[in-house]
N, C-alpha and C. Protein backbone atom coordinates (compact mmCIF):
# COMPACT_ATOMS: atom_id res chain seq x y z
N MET A 1 -8.33 -7.73 19.82
CA MET A 1 -9.03 -7.28 21.01
C MET A 1 -10.01 -7.84 20.59
N ALA A 2 -10.61 -8.63 20.85
CA ALA A 2 -11.97 -9.56 21.44
C ALA A 2 -13.25 -8.87 21.20
N LEU A 3 -13.61 -9.29 20.48
CA LEU A 3 -14.99 -8.65 20.16
C LEU A 3 -15.81 -8.30 20.67
N LYS A 4 -16.74 -7.18 21.02
CA LYS A 4 -17.96 -7.65 22.51
C LYS A 4 -19.17 -7.82 22.05
N TYR A 5 -19.80 -7.81 22.46
CA TYR A 5 -21.37 -8.10 21.86
C TYR A 5 -22.33 -8.05 23.25
N GLN A 6 -23.45 -8.02 22.74
CA GLN A 6 -24.99 -8.89 23.27
C GLN A 6 -25.44 -9.65 22.86
N PHE A 7 -26.36 -10.17 24.30
CA PHE A 7 -26.80 -10.99 23.73
C PHE A 7 -28.41 -10.97 23.60
N ASN A 8 -28.72 -9.96 22.16
CA ASN A 8 -30.00 -9.62 21.45
C ASN A 8 -30.11 -10.06 20.50
N LYS A 9 -31.42 -10.28 20.01
CA LYS A 9 -31.34 -9.78 18.29
C LYS A 9 -31.20 -8.73 17.83
N THR A 10 -31.21 -7.07 18.28
CA THR A 10 -31.13 -6.11 17.90
C THR A 10 -29.25 -6.62 17.17
N PHE A 11 -28.66 -6.91 18.69
CA PHE A 11 -27.01 -6.49 18.26
C PHE A 11 -26.83 -8.05 17.27
N GLN A 12 -27.70 -8.80 17.16
CA GLN A 12 -27.33 -10.11 16.21
C GLN A 12 -27.55 -9.39 15.17
N ASN A 13 -28.75 -8.57 14.40
CA ASN A 13 -28.56 -7.80 12.89
C ASN A 13 -27.45 -6.96 12.76
N GLN A 14 -26.64 -6.13 14.00
CA GLN A 14 -25.93 -5.58 13.58
C GLN A 14 -25.12 -6.36 13.33
N LEU A 15 -24.04 -7.17 14.50
CA LEU A 15 -23.10 -7.85 13.89
C LEU A 15 -23.28 -8.43 12.59
N ASN A 16 -24.48 -9.30 12.13
CA ASN A 16 -24.86 -9.80 10.36
C ASN A 16 -24.45 -8.60 9.42
N LYS A 17 -24.64 -7.50 9.52
CA LYS A 17 -24.43 -6.65 8.70
C LYS A 17 -23.12 -6.07 8.36
N GLU A 18 -22.54 -6.03 9.89
CA GLU A 18 -20.85 -5.60 9.76
C GLU A 18 -20.19 -6.73 9.16
N LEU A 19 -20.35 -7.88 9.13
CA LEU A 19 -20.24 -9.14 8.75
C LEU A 19 -20.41 -8.61 7.49
N LYS A 20 -21.28 -9.17 6.91
CA LYS A 20 -21.52 -8.42 5.38
C LYS A 20 -20.87 -7.71 4.74
N VAL A 21 -20.70 -6.70 5.53
CA VAL A 21 -19.70 -5.56 4.86
C VAL A 21 -18.56 -6.12 4.52
N ARG A 22 -18.05 -6.87 5.67
CA ARG A 22 -16.28 -7.37 5.57
C ARG A 22 -16.86 -8.40 4.52
N VAL A 23 -17.38 -9.53 4.80
CA VAL A 23 -16.76 -10.38 3.44
C VAL A 23 -17.67 -9.78 2.12
N ASN A 24 -17.91 -8.81 1.95
CA ASN A 24 -18.36 -7.85 0.80
C ASN A 24 -16.96 -7.25 0.11
N ALA A 25 -15.93 -6.84 0.97
CA ALA A 25 -15.41 -6.33 0.96
C ALA A 25 -14.12 -7.02 0.73
N LEU A 26 -13.94 -8.16 1.32
CA LEU A 26 -12.64 -8.66 1.01
C LEU A 26 -12.11 -9.10 -0.36
N PRO A 27 -13.03 -9.79 -1.35
CA PRO A 27 -12.56 -10.05 -3.02
C PRO A 27 -11.88 -9.30 -3.65
N THR A 28 -12.63 -7.43 -3.25
CA THR A 28 -12.26 -6.33 -3.77
C THR A 28 -10.71 -5.61 -3.12
N LEU A 29 -10.24 -6.04 -1.04
CA LEU A 29 -9.03 -5.72 -1.26
C LEU A 29 -8.07 -6.95 -1.58
N GLN A 30 -8.07 -8.45 -1.88
CA GLN A 30 -7.84 -8.91 -2.40
C GLN A 30 -7.16 -9.11 -3.97
N ALA A 31 -7.63 -8.35 -4.38
CA ALA A 31 -7.55 -7.60 -6.01
C ALA A 31 -6.64 -5.87 -6.09
N LYS A 32 -7.17 -5.81 -5.03
CA LYS A 32 -6.32 -4.47 -4.92
C LYS A 32 -4.63 -5.15 -4.24
N GLU A 33 -4.18 -6.23 -3.73
CA GLU A 33 -3.27 -6.68 -2.88
C GLU A 33 -3.21 -6.97 -3.52
N ALA A 34 -3.55 -8.45 -4.73
CA ALA A 34 -2.20 -9.42 -6.61
C ALA A 34 -2.08 -7.78 -7.42
N ALA A 35 -2.92 -7.47 -7.38
CA ALA A 35 -2.34 -5.83 -8.54
C ALA A 35 -1.13 -4.95 -8.07
N LEU A 36 -1.26 -4.98 -6.41
CA LEU A 36 0.00 -4.40 -5.59
C LEU A 36 0.98 -5.04 -5.84
N ARG A 37 0.62 -6.46 -5.54
CA ARG A 37 2.14 -7.03 -5.31
C ARG A 37 2.84 -7.09 -7.16
N ALA A 38 2.15 -6.82 -7.89
CA ALA A 38 2.82 -7.07 -9.92
C ALA A 38 2.67 -5.77 -9.69
N VAL A 39 2.84 -4.68 -9.05
CA VAL A 39 3.06 -3.44 -9.49
C VAL A 39 4.35 -2.82 -8.75
N VAL A 40 4.52 -3.92 -7.67
CA VAL A 40 5.47 -3.42 -6.07
C VAL A 40 6.45 -4.44 -7.19
N LYS A 41 6.25 -5.74 -8.12
CA LYS A 41 7.66 -5.96 -8.83
C LYS A 41 8.39 -4.85 -9.87
N LEU A 42 7.14 -4.93 -10.43
CA LEU A 42 7.25 -3.81 -11.72
C LEU A 42 8.46 -2.75 -11.67
N ALA A 43 8.65 -2.60 -10.39
CA ALA A 43 8.72 -0.53 -9.81
C ALA A 43 10.35 -1.14 -9.04
N ARG A 44 9.86 -2.54 -8.23
CA ARG A 44 11.98 -3.25 -8.15
C ARG A 44 12.78 -2.89 -9.18
N GLU A 45 12.15 -3.93 -10.85
CA GLU A 45 12.77 -4.24 -11.84
C GLU A 45 13.05 -2.64 -12.46
N GLU A 46 12.42 -1.71 -11.78
CA GLU A 46 12.34 -0.88 -12.55
C GLU A 46 13.66 0.50 -12.10
N VAL A 47 13.81 -0.18 -10.58
CA VAL A 47 14.66 0.36 -9.89
C VAL A 47 16.10 -0.19 -10.20
N GLU A 48 16.04 -1.26 -10.72
CA GLU A 48 17.10 -1.64 -10.92
C GLU A 48 17.98 -1.64 -12.32
N ARG A 49 16.81 -1.24 -12.98
CA ARG A 49 17.00 -0.95 -14.72
C ARG A 49 17.46 0.12 -14.67
N ILE A 50 17.26 1.60 -13.92
CA ILE A 50 17.96 2.56 -13.84
C ILE A 50 19.25 2.39 -12.86
N GLU A 51 19.11 1.45 -12.15
CA GLU A 51 20.21 1.46 -11.97
C GLU A 51 21.34 1.07 -12.14
N ASN A 52 20.83 -0.14 -13.00
CA ASN A 52 21.85 -0.41 -14.17
C ASN A 52 22.53 0.24 -15.57
N LYS A 53 21.85 1.20 -15.82
CA LYS A 53 21.96 2.43 -16.46
C LYS A 53 22.88 3.34 -15.66
N LEU A 54 22.49 2.87 -14.71
CA LEU A 54 23.93 4.21 -13.57
C LEU A 54 25.29 3.68 -13.80
N ASP A 55 25.25 2.78 -13.41
CA ASP A 55 26.49 1.93 -13.66
C ASP A 55 26.96 1.83 -14.78
N ILE A 56 26.39 1.91 -15.53
CA ILE A 56 27.01 1.92 -16.83
C ILE A 56 27.41 2.76 -17.19
N ALA A 57 26.71 4.10 -16.78
CA ALA A 57 27.21 5.57 -17.31
C ALA A 57 28.26 5.92 -16.73
N LYS A 58 28.57 5.78 -15.22
CA LYS A 58 29.89 5.41 -14.12
C LYS A 58 31.07 4.83 -14.71
N LYS A 59 30.71 3.69 -15.55
CA LYS A 59 31.55 3.40 -15.96
C LYS A 59 32.20 4.08 -17.39
N ALA A 60 31.03 4.65 -17.51
CA ALA A 60 32.11 5.21 -19.64
C ALA A 60 33.22 6.42 -18.85
N VAL A 61 32.67 6.76 -17.35
CA VAL A 61 32.91 8.29 -17.28
C VAL A 61 34.11 8.18 -16.31
N ALA A 62 34.17 6.87 -15.97
CA ALA A 62 35.29 6.10 -14.74
C ALA A 62 37.13 6.26 -15.21
N SER A 63 36.93 6.28 -16.83
CA SER A 63 37.99 6.26 -17.19
C SER A 63 38.59 8.22 -17.01
N ALA A 64 37.98 8.90 -17.09
CA ALA A 64 37.82 10.54 -17.13
C ALA A 64 37.71 11.08 -15.85
N GLU A 65 38.25 10.12 -14.74
CA GLU A 65 37.53 10.45 -13.42
C GLU A 65 38.84 11.96 -13.51
N ARG A 66 39.70 11.98 -13.30
CA ARG A 66 41.11 12.33 -13.13
C ARG A 66 40.80 13.72 -13.68
N LEU A 67 40.05 14.46 -14.99
CA LEU A 67 39.87 15.23 -15.52
C LEU A 67 38.68 15.52 -15.00
N PHE A 68 37.48 15.10 -14.39
CA PHE A 68 36.62 15.60 -13.87
C PHE A 68 36.92 17.10 -12.24
N ALA A 69 38.53 16.13 -11.91
CA ALA A 69 38.51 16.99 -10.63
C ALA A 69 38.91 18.35 -11.00
N GLU A 70 39.04 18.74 -12.40
CA GLU A 70 39.53 20.35 -13.02
C GLU A 70 38.26 21.04 -13.12
N PHE A 71 36.40 20.26 -13.10
CA PHE A 71 35.24 21.10 -13.58
C PHE A 71 35.39 21.98 -12.24
N PRO A 72 34.80 23.50 -12.61
CA PRO A 72 34.30 24.47 -11.56
C PRO A 72 33.63 24.14 -10.66
N LYS A 73 33.47 23.88 -9.45
CA LYS A 73 32.74 23.59 -8.01
C LYS A 73 31.20 24.56 -8.80
N GLY A 74 30.38 24.05 -9.05
CA GLY A 74 28.73 24.47 -9.44
C GLY A 74 28.80 24.74 -10.32
N LEU A 75 29.67 24.18 -11.78
CA LEU A 75 29.16 24.51 -12.77
C LEU A 75 28.34 23.65 -13.88
N VAL A 76 27.55 22.98 -13.26
CA VAL A 76 26.19 22.19 -13.58
C VAL A 76 25.64 21.99 -12.59
N THR A 77 24.53 22.37 -12.26
CA THR A 77 23.33 22.14 -10.98
C THR A 77 22.05 21.90 -11.58
N ILE A 78 21.20 20.79 -10.68
CA ILE A 78 19.87 21.34 -10.88
C ILE A 78 19.30 22.29 -10.63
N SER A 79 18.72 22.72 -11.01
CA SER A 79 17.29 24.08 -11.24
C SER A 79 16.02 24.00 -10.42
N ALA A 80 15.82 22.36 -11.36
CA ALA A 80 14.22 22.12 -11.27
C ALA A 80 14.69 20.61 -11.60
N VAL A 81 13.10 19.54 -10.54
CA VAL A 81 13.37 18.49 -10.44
C VAL A 81 11.42 18.06 -11.07
N ARG A 82 10.83 18.25 -12.62
CA ARG A 82 9.91 18.22 -12.25
C ARG A 82 9.05 16.96 -12.52
N THR A 83 7.89 17.07 -11.19
CA THR A 83 7.65 15.62 -11.40
C THR A 83 5.91 16.05 -11.37
N SER A 84 5.17 14.49 -11.06
CA SER A 84 3.68 14.72 -11.12
C SER A 84 3.81 13.70 -10.79
N ILE A 85 2.32 13.66 -10.28
CA ILE A 85 1.73 12.21 -9.86
C ILE A 85 0.10 11.33 -10.65
N LYS A 86 0.90 10.14 -10.08
CA LYS A 86 0.44 9.26 -11.04
C LYS A 86 -0.47 7.75 -9.93
N LYS A 87 -1.46 8.13 -10.29
CA LYS A 87 -2.23 6.75 -9.57
C LYS A 87 -1.77 5.43 -10.05
N ILE A 88 -1.40 4.91 -9.08
CA ILE A 88 -1.93 3.12 -9.43
C ILE A 88 -2.11 2.26 -8.35
N ALA A 89 -3.41 1.95 -8.80
CA ALA A 89 -3.89 0.76 -8.13
C ALA A 89 -3.74 1.57 -6.73
N GLY A 90 -4.44 2.79 -7.24
CA GLY A 90 -5.30 3.59 -5.94
C GLY A 90 -4.49 4.51 -4.76
N VAL A 91 -2.84 4.06 -5.46
CA VAL A 91 -1.85 4.62 -4.86
C VAL A 91 -1.27 6.19 -5.13
N LYS A 92 -1.26 6.92 -5.18
CA LYS A 92 -0.47 8.27 -5.15
C LYS A 92 0.96 7.95 -5.74
N THR A 93 1.97 7.76 -6.65
CA THR A 93 3.42 7.88 -6.97
C THR A 93 3.54 9.05 -7.45
N PRO A 94 4.94 9.34 -7.43
CA PRO A 94 5.15 9.99 -8.28
C PRO A 94 6.44 9.83 -9.63
N VAL A 95 5.77 10.50 -11.08
CA VAL A 95 6.46 10.50 -12.18
C VAL A 95 7.39 11.36 -12.59
N LEU A 96 8.57 11.19 -12.80
CA LEU A 96 9.86 12.28 -12.56
C LEU A 96 9.00 12.57 -14.64
N GLU A 97 8.86 13.60 -14.54
CA GLU A 97 8.52 14.69 -16.10
C GLU A 97 9.77 14.90 -16.82
N GLY A 98 10.77 15.84 -16.03
CA GLY A 98 11.83 15.97 -16.40
C GLY A 98 13.06 16.11 -15.63
N VAL A 99 14.30 16.61 -16.22
CA VAL A 99 15.13 17.81 -14.81
C VAL A 99 15.63 18.68 -15.73
N ASP A 100 15.75 19.82 -15.61
CA ASP A 100 16.18 21.27 -15.57
C ASP A 100 17.44 21.63 -15.00
N PHE A 101 18.82 21.48 -15.32
CA PHE A 101 20.15 22.18 -15.18
C PHE A 101 20.13 23.95 -15.49
N GLU A 102 21.22 24.37 -14.46
CA GLU A 102 21.19 25.25 -14.45
C GLU A 102 22.91 25.29 -14.45
N MET A 103 23.70 26.09 -15.19
CA MET A 103 25.05 26.06 -15.54
C MET A 103 25.72 27.07 -15.79
N ARG A 104 26.86 28.08 -14.79
CA ARG A 104 27.88 28.88 -14.63
C ARG A 104 28.30 28.78 -16.29
N GLN A 105 28.16 30.25 -16.29
CA GLN A 105 29.07 30.94 -17.51
C GLN A 105 30.34 31.12 -17.60
N LEU A 106 31.41 30.14 -18.24
CA LEU A 106 32.87 30.06 -18.18
C LEU A 106 33.31 30.72 -19.86
N PRO A 107 33.88 31.39 -19.48
CA PRO A 107 34.89 31.42 -20.88
C PRO A 107 34.56 30.81 -22.19
N LEU A 108 34.62 30.77 -22.95
CA LEU A 108 34.92 29.84 -23.88
C LEU A 108 36.39 29.07 -24.60
N PHE A 109 36.51 30.48 -24.42
CA PHE A 109 38.26 30.30 -24.68
C PHE A 109 38.97 29.99 -23.78
N SER A 110 38.83 30.20 -22.49
CA SER A 110 39.19 29.09 -20.94
C SER A 110 39.08 28.13 -21.13
N MET A 111 37.89 27.36 -21.77
CA MET A 111 37.69 25.64 -21.43
C MET A 111 38.53 24.94 -21.58
N PRO A 112 38.52 24.05 -21.52
CA PRO A 112 39.32 22.59 -22.37
C PRO A 112 38.22 21.70 -23.50
N ALA A 113 38.80 21.41 -24.12
CA ALA A 113 38.11 21.09 -25.24
C ALA A 113 36.83 19.88 -24.95
N TRP A 114 37.35 18.96 -23.78
CA TRP A 114 36.77 18.20 -23.17
C TRP A 114 35.13 18.63 -22.67
N PHE A 115 35.61 19.56 -22.67
CA PHE A 115 34.60 20.18 -20.90
C PHE A 115 32.88 20.03 -21.58
N PRO A 116 32.42 20.40 -23.18
CA PRO A 116 31.55 20.01 -23.33
C PRO A 116 30.84 18.66 -23.44
N TRP A 117 31.96 17.80 -23.87
CA TRP A 117 31.52 16.00 -23.37
C TRP A 117 31.23 16.39 -22.04
N GLY A 118 32.20 16.33 -21.01
CA GLY A 118 31.85 16.23 -19.55
C GLY A 118 30.32 17.04 -18.75
N ILE A 119 30.43 18.06 -19.36
CA ILE A 119 29.18 18.37 -18.88
C ILE A 119 27.63 17.54 -20.08
N GLU A 120 27.94 17.07 -20.87
CA GLU A 120 27.01 16.15 -21.37
C GLU A 120 26.85 15.24 -20.01
N ARG A 121 27.94 14.54 -19.79
CA ARG A 121 28.02 13.14 -19.16
C ARG A 121 27.66 14.06 -17.63
N LEU A 122 27.82 15.02 -17.83
CA LEU A 122 27.58 15.21 -15.81
C LEU A 122 26.16 15.09 -16.02
N LYS A 123 25.65 15.45 -16.41
CA LYS A 123 23.94 15.85 -16.52
C LYS A 123 23.21 14.39 -16.94
N ASP A 124 24.43 13.10 -17.78
CA ASP A 124 23.39 12.05 -18.33
C ASP A 124 23.60 11.59 -16.57
N LEU A 125 24.92 11.60 -15.74
CA LEU A 125 24.72 11.01 -14.66
C LEU A 125 23.31 11.50 -13.19
N LEU A 126 24.15 13.01 -13.27
CA LEU A 126 22.60 13.56 -12.60
C LEU A 126 21.03 13.24 -12.55
N SER A 127 20.79 13.34 -13.98
CA SER A 127 19.44 12.80 -14.99
C SER A 127 19.10 11.58 -14.48
N LEU A 128 19.99 10.48 -14.00
CA LEU A 128 19.50 9.13 -13.81
C LEU A 128 19.67 9.05 -12.55
N GLU A 129 20.70 9.84 -11.53
CA GLU A 129 20.16 9.82 -10.02
C GLU A 129 18.56 10.47 -10.34
N THR A 130 18.98 11.36 -10.19
CA THR A 130 16.91 11.74 -10.18
C THR A 130 16.08 11.11 -10.64
N GLU A 131 16.10 9.93 -11.88
CA GLU A 131 15.93 9.37 -11.85
C GLU A 131 15.15 8.42 -11.10
N ARG A 132 16.54 7.83 -10.50
CA ARG A 132 16.44 6.53 -9.66
C ARG A 132 15.70 7.49 -8.31
N GLU A 133 16.09 8.00 -7.94
CA GLU A 133 15.51 8.67 -6.36
C GLU A 133 14.06 8.38 -6.93
N VAL A 134 13.23 9.15 -7.77
CA VAL A 134 11.93 9.03 -7.61
C VAL A 134 11.38 7.49 -8.03
N ALA A 135 12.74 6.84 -8.72
CA ALA A 135 11.74 5.20 -8.68
C ALA A 135 11.58 4.74 -7.51
N VAL A 136 12.80 5.18 -6.20
CA VAL A 136 12.99 4.28 -5.51
C VAL A 136 11.70 5.09 -4.69
N ARG A 137 11.41 6.26 -4.58
CA ARG A 137 10.14 6.26 -3.90
C ARG A 137 9.10 6.20 -3.93
N LYS A 138 8.77 5.96 -5.24
CA LYS A 138 7.56 5.23 -6.43
C LYS A 138 7.41 3.72 -5.33
N GLN A 139 8.55 3.51 -5.77
CA GLN A 139 8.35 1.94 -5.05
C GLN A 139 8.41 1.60 -3.79
N THR A 140 8.76 3.17 -2.76
CA THR A 140 8.29 2.94 -1.22
C THR A 140 7.12 2.83 -0.74
N ALA A 141 6.31 4.24 -1.79
CA ALA A 141 5.01 3.87 -1.92
C ALA A 141 3.92 2.86 -2.04
N LEU A 142 4.09 2.24 -3.21
CA LEU A 142 3.79 0.85 -3.04
C LEU A 142 3.49 -0.05 -2.70
N GLU A 143 4.87 -0.56 -2.11
CA GLU A 143 5.38 -1.29 -0.87
C GLU A 143 4.58 -0.73 0.44
N TYR A 144 4.71 0.35 0.81
CA TYR A 144 3.70 0.62 1.73
C TYR A 144 1.93 0.38 1.35
N ALA A 145 1.48 0.57 0.87
CA ALA A 145 0.51 0.71 0.75
C ALA A 145 0.03 -1.43 0.35
N ARG A 146 0.73 -1.98 -0.47
CA ARG A 146 1.04 -3.35 -0.51
C ARG A 146 0.28 -3.62 0.75
N LYS A 147 1.93 -3.94 2.25
CA LYS A 147 1.52 -3.89 3.38
C LYS A 147 0.11 -3.80 4.25
N LYS A 148 0.29 -2.51 4.00
CA LYS A 148 -1.35 -1.93 4.59
C LYS A 148 -1.97 -2.90 3.59
N THR A 149 -2.60 -2.69 2.43
CA THR A 149 -3.61 -3.62 2.25
C THR A 149 -3.58 -5.42 2.51
N THR A 150 -2.44 -6.29 2.61
CA THR A 150 -2.41 -6.90 3.15
C THR A 150 -2.46 -7.44 4.25
N GLN A 151 -2.53 -6.14 5.29
CA GLN A 151 -2.54 -6.12 6.52
C GLN A 151 -4.21 -6.27 6.67
N LYS A 152 -4.44 -5.65 6.33
CA LYS A 152 -5.98 -5.58 6.34
C LYS A 152 -7.13 -6.49 5.83
N VAL A 153 -6.20 -7.44 4.43
CA VAL A 153 -6.82 -8.59 4.14
C VAL A 153 -6.97 -9.33 5.23
N ASN A 154 -5.87 -10.25 5.68
CA ASN A 154 -5.09 -11.04 6.95
C ASN A 154 -6.12 -10.60 8.03
N LEU A 155 -6.72 -9.63 8.40
CA LEU A 155 -7.69 -8.86 9.72
C LEU A 155 -8.82 -9.26 9.24
N TYR A 156 -9.02 -8.61 8.16
CA TYR A 156 -11.23 -9.21 7.80
C TYR A 156 -10.53 -11.05 7.36
N GLU A 157 -9.86 -11.74 7.20
CA GLU A 157 -10.05 -12.81 6.83
C GLU A 157 -9.61 -13.78 7.70
N LYS A 158 -8.55 -13.38 8.64
CA LYS A 158 -8.08 -14.79 9.92
C LYS A 158 -8.88 -14.00 10.89
N VAL A 159 -9.17 -13.26 11.21
CA VAL A 159 -9.60 -12.50 12.67
C VAL A 159 -11.06 -12.05 12.85
N GLN A 160 -11.31 -10.76 11.97
CA GLN A 160 -12.75 -10.18 11.97
C GLN A 160 -13.73 -11.16 11.36
N ILE A 161 -13.97 -11.79 10.33
CA ILE A 161 -15.36 -12.51 9.73
C ILE A 161 -14.68 -14.15 10.10
N PRO A 162 -14.14 -14.72 11.19
CA PRO A 162 -14.45 -15.78 12.09
C PRO A 162 -14.76 -15.16 13.34
N GLU A 163 -14.33 -14.18 13.65
CA GLU A 163 -14.77 -13.43 14.71
C GLU A 163 -16.60 -13.36 14.96
N TYR A 164 -16.85 -12.58 13.97
CA TYR A 164 -18.27 -12.06 13.68
C TYR A 164 -19.13 -13.43 13.60
N ARG A 165 -18.74 -14.36 12.71
CA ARG A 165 -19.37 -15.60 12.61
C ARG A 165 -19.84 -16.39 14.22
N GLN A 166 -18.57 -16.53 14.38
CA GLN A 166 -18.95 -16.99 15.79
C GLN A 166 -19.43 -16.21 16.89
N ALA A 167 -19.53 -14.99 16.80
CA ALA A 167 -20.62 -14.14 18.08
C ALA A 167 -21.85 -14.09 17.75
N ILE A 168 -22.01 -14.41 16.10
CA ILE A 168 -23.47 -14.51 15.65
C ILE A 168 -23.97 -15.87 16.23
N LEU A 169 -23.26 -16.49 16.08
CA LEU A 169 -23.41 -18.34 16.05
C LEU A 169 -23.96 -18.56 17.58
N LYS A 170 -22.92 -18.33 18.42
CA LYS A 170 -23.00 -17.94 19.99
C LYS A 170 -24.53 -17.29 20.45
N ILE A 171 -24.28 -16.23 19.38
CA ILE A 171 -26.17 -15.82 20.44
C ILE A 171 -27.10 -16.25 19.71
N LYS A 172 -27.13 -16.50 18.10
CA LYS A 172 -28.11 -17.35 17.91
C LYS A 172 -28.68 -18.54 18.43
N ARG A 173 -27.63 -19.21 19.51
CA ARG A 173 -27.53 -20.02 19.56
C ARG A 173 -28.37 -19.95 21.49
N PHE A 174 -27.98 -18.68 22.38
CA PHE A 174 -28.39 -18.24 22.73
C PHE A 174 -30.09 -17.94 23.38
N LEU A 175 -30.21 -16.92 22.35
CA LEU A 175 -31.49 -16.21 21.92
C LEU A 175 -32.46 -18.63 21.72
N GLU A 176 -32.14 -18.89 20.68
CA GLU A 176 -32.75 -20.47 20.24
C GLU A 176 -32.41 -21.45 21.87
N ASP A 177 -32.35 -21.60 22.90
CA ASP A 177 -31.97 -21.69 24.00
C ASP A 177 -33.21 -20.83 25.07
N GLU A 178 -33.24 -19.41 24.77
CA GLU A 178 -33.82 -19.24 25.71
C GLU A 178 -35.37 -19.26 25.40
N GLU A 179 -35.48 -19.26 23.65
CA GLU A 179 -36.99 -19.73 23.39
C GLU A 179 -37.26 -20.82 23.93
N ASN A 180 -36.14 -21.62 24.16
CA ASN A 180 -36.73 -23.26 24.11
C ASN A 180 -37.10 -23.39 26.02
N LEU A 181 -36.57 -22.46 26.54
CA LEU A 181 -36.74 -22.63 28.17
C LEU A 181 -38.03 -22.34 27.80
N ALA A 182 -38.49 -20.93 27.80
CA ALA A 182 -39.53 -19.85 27.38
C ALA A 182 -40.87 -21.32 27.23
N LYS A 183 -40.54 -21.63 25.81
CA LYS A 183 -41.88 -22.59 26.00
C LYS A 183 -41.90 -23.79 27.04
N SER A 184 -40.72 -24.40 27.27
CA SER A 184 -40.82 -25.38 28.17
C SER A 184 -41.75 -25.26 30.10
N SER A 185 -41.86 -23.62 30.06
CA SER A 185 -41.69 -23.15 31.37
C SER A 185 -43.58 -22.76 30.84
N GLN A 186 -44.17 -22.32 29.49
CA GLN A 186 -45.18 -22.95 28.76
C GLN A 186 -45.93 -23.58 29.58
N LYS A 187 -45.11 -24.93 29.29
CA LYS A 187 -45.90 -26.38 28.83
C LYS A 187 -46.32 -26.44 30.40
N ILE A 188 -44.87 -26.05 31.08
CA ILE A 188 -44.97 -26.69 32.49
C ILE A 188 -46.54 -26.23 32.82
N LEU A 189 -46.48 -24.56 33.20
CA LEU A 189 -47.31 -24.09 33.18
C LEU A 189 -48.69 -24.55 32.74
N LYS A 190 -48.67 -24.61 31.50
CA LYS A 190 -49.89 -24.88 31.22
C LYS A 190 -51.07 -26.39 31.88
N GLU A 191 -49.74 -27.24 31.47
CA GLU A 191 -50.11 -28.79 32.82
C GLU A 191 -50.13 -28.77 33.47
N LYS A 192 -49.57 -27.33 34.88
CA LYS A 192 -49.86 -27.10 35.93
C LYS A 192 -51.66 -26.56 36.17
N MET A 193 -51.47 -25.99 34.99
CA MET A 193 -53.64 -25.17 35.72
C MET A 193 -54.14 -26.26 35.30
N LEU A 194 -53.91 -27.22 34.46
CA LEU A 194 -54.66 -28.27 33.78
C LEU A 194 -55.38 -28.99 34.75
N ARG A 195 -53.86 -29.38 35.94
CA ARG A 195 -54.12 -30.45 36.96
C ARG A 195 -54.54 -29.82 37.93
N GLU A 196 -54.88 -28.32 38.23
CA GLU A 196 -55.45 -27.17 39.26
C GLU A 196 -57.09 -27.88 39.01
N GLU A 197 -57.00 -27.50 37.42
CA GLU A 197 -58.30 -27.13 36.91
C GLU A 197 -59.41 -28.63 37.06
N ALA A 198 -58.37 -29.73 36.62
CA ALA A 198 -59.11 -31.03 36.87
C ALA A 198 -59.24 -31.28 38.28
N ALA A 199 -58.59 -30.56 38.91
CA ALA A 199 -58.31 -31.00 40.30
C ALA A 199 -59.69 -30.54 41.37
């Protein structure tokens, strides 16, 4: 959308103020963008680290996968996922505080001996899955904020600031031309009046 302006001093002053706001905001936005780029990179690395831990945990129980078929359905469920909000570079991101589990009661004498080991492995897998999900949400929020900040930096840097400068320059030239024309017409009028007085 092209910038609309009028050829007068008031509008020139208004454009100067708006240009000053954008020029002053640009370094802050660029710093925020750089910070978000670094934080997004760390968030991606965190997601990869959690996914690697999850793969290792899955491989560790892969040999006992047939045993898990004996698990009663709903033996271990997640009762609550505790999260908090932390601001990173001005962006609200989720932080996992903990995962609470609920276990269905089974008679101890009827449980196979490997059940306690299996329950712990299942809790580990569910915790890692939850941790990965929270990390992915954090990464998504940061990437979205970085994208929006980059768009704003580009808008200011490549579109609005040059448009404002060009508009101010056009208004300035128009007003100078108008002033020169007024002086020229005054000079011509003065010379004409002098000639009439002399005649």
